[in-house]
């Protein structure tokens, strides 16, 4: 897994660890449906402003974020100590959905 470092979240005003980027090839409605398939996931916040859309969700006790960056979607987590296997699981769940050829 390739880690991108840290970013400052304009939505929640807290520092977040960016752990992945994937092509943004679906609608936000599709993203909500995919989140529902992540067992134990709970959507915390959604903001949809022109060119600045965020979904924040809780998964296994950690707060994750998905941020629309135009042609890509950026994945973040608020706790820098989030276990690597949990980050890998979230990334795998969405990489199969957003870019099936990447998960092979």
Protein backbone atom coordinates (compact mmCIF):
# COMPACT_ATOMS: atom_id res chain seq x y z
CA UNK A 1 0.00 0.00 0.00
CA UNK A 2 1.27 3.48 -0.85
CA UNK A 3 0.73 6.15 1.80
CA UNK A 4 0.36 9.74 0.70
CA UNK A 5 1.14 11.37 4.07
CA UNK A 6 -1.00 13.85 5.93
CA UNK A 7 -3.48 16.46 4.85
CA UNK A 8 -5.50 19.16 6.50
CA UNK A 9 -9.21 18.50 6.12
CA UNK A 10 -11.12 21.61 5.07
CA UNK A 11 -14.36 20.00 6.22
CA UNK A 12 -13.68 18.89 9.76
CA UNK A 13 -10.76 21.18 10.59
CA UNK A 14 -8.69 18.34 11.99
CA UNK A 15 -5.58 16.74 10.62
CA UNK A 16 -6.19 13.48 8.80
CA UNK A 17 -3.95 10.74 7.48
CA UNK A 18 -4.38 10.28 3.74
CA UNK A 19 -3.88 6.60 2.96
CA UNK A 20 -5.15 6.14 -0.57
CA UNK A 21 -6.42 7.67 -3.80
CA UNK A 22 -8.59 5.89 -6.34
CA UNK A 23 -10.24 6.94 -9.60
CA UNK A 24 -13.62 8.53 -8.93
CA UNK A 25 -15.69 6.64 -11.46
CA UNK A 26 -19.09 6.34 -9.75
CA UNK A 27 -21.82 8.58 -8.38
CA UNK A 28 -22.12 9.56 -4.73
CA UNK A 29 -25.30 7.48 -4.56
CA UNK A 30 -23.21 4.47 -5.67
CA UNK A 31 -20.69 5.32 -2.94
CA UNK A 32 -23.42 5.34 -0.29
CA UNK A 33 -24.60 1.93 -1.52
CA UNK A 34 -21.05 0.60 -1.34
CA UNK A 35 -20.64 1.94 2.20
CA UNK A 36 -23.78 0.06 3.23
CA UNK A 37 -22.03 -3.16 2.16
CA UNK A 38 -19.11 -2.49 4.53
CA UNK A 39 -20.23 -4.49 7.57
CA UNK A 40 -20.50 -2.28 10.65
CA UNK A 41 -20.02 1.01 8.79
CA UNK A 42 -22.00 4.04 9.95
CA UNK A 43 -22.16 7.27 7.95
CA UNK A 44 -21.42 10.20 10.26
CA UNK A 45 -21.53 13.23 7.94
CA UNK A 46 -22.03 14.14 4.34
CA UNK A 47 -21.40 17.51 2.76
CA UNK A 48 -21.90 18.09 -0.91
CA UNK A 49 -20.72 21.45 -2.09
CA UNK A 50 -19.60 22.25 -5.60
CA UNK A 51 -16.17 20.62 -6.01
CA UNK A 52 -15.84 19.89 -2.28
CA UNK A 53 -17.77 16.78 -1.30
CA UNK A 54 -16.99 14.72 1.80
CA UNK A 55 -18.40 11.55 3.31
CA UNK A 56 -17.24 10.83 6.85
CA UNK A 57 -17.97 7.38 8.23
CA UNK A 58 -17.21 5.34 11.33
CA UNK A 59 -15.86 1.85 10.79
CA UNK A 60 -14.67 -0.41 13.61
CA UNK A 61 -14.16 2.56 15.93
CA UNK A 62 -12.19 4.73 13.50
CA UNK A 63 -13.36 7.80 11.62
CA UNK A 64 -12.70 7.61 7.87
CA UNK A 65 -13.28 10.21 5.18
CA UNK A 66 -13.76 10.16 1.43
CA UNK A 67 -13.12 13.42 -0.39
CA UNK A 68 -13.91 14.22 -4.00
CA UNK A 69 -10.78 15.60 -5.68
CA UNK A 70 -12.18 15.78 -9.20
CA UNK A 71 -11.12 12.66 -11.09
CA UNK A 72 -9.94 10.94 -7.91
CA UNK A 73 -11.38 10.17 -4.51
CA UNK A 74 -9.09 10.58 -1.53
CA UNK A 75 -9.36 8.26 1.48
CA UNK A 76 -8.37 9.51 4.94
CA UNK A 77 -8.51 8.39 8.56
CA UNK A 78 -8.54 10.69 11.58
CA UNK A 79 -6.45 8.42 13.85
CA UNK A 80 -2.84 8.14 12.69
CA UNK A 81 -2.52 4.84 14.61
CA UNK A 82 -5.30 3.07 12.71
CA UNK A 83 -4.17 -0.55 12.12
CA UNK A 84 -2.70 -1.25 8.68
CA UNK A 85 -4.99 -4.25 8.14
CA UNK A 86 -8.04 -2.03 8.65
CA UNK A 87 -6.73 0.54 6.13
CA UNK A 88 -6.01 -2.29 3.69
CA UNK A 89 -9.52 -3.68 4.16
CA UNK A 90 -11.19 -0.33 3.42
CA UNK A 91 -8.94 0.23 0.42
CA UNK A 92 -9.63 -3.27 -0.94
CA UNK A 93 -13.39 -2.83 -0.48
CA UNK A 94 -13.42 0.33 -2.57
CA UNK A 95 -10.70 -0.56 -5.08
CA UNK A 96 -12.74 -3.55 -6.30
CA UNK A 97 -15.71 -1.22 -6.73
CA UNK A 98 -14.03 1.84 -8.24
CA UNK A 99 -11.31 0.21 -10.32
CA UNK A 100 -11.80 -3.57 -10.67
CA UNK A 101 -8.61 -4.03 -12.69
CA UNK A 102 -6.53 -2.70 -9.75
CA UNK A 103 -7.71 -5.42 -7.37
CA UNK A 104 -6.36 -8.30 -9.46
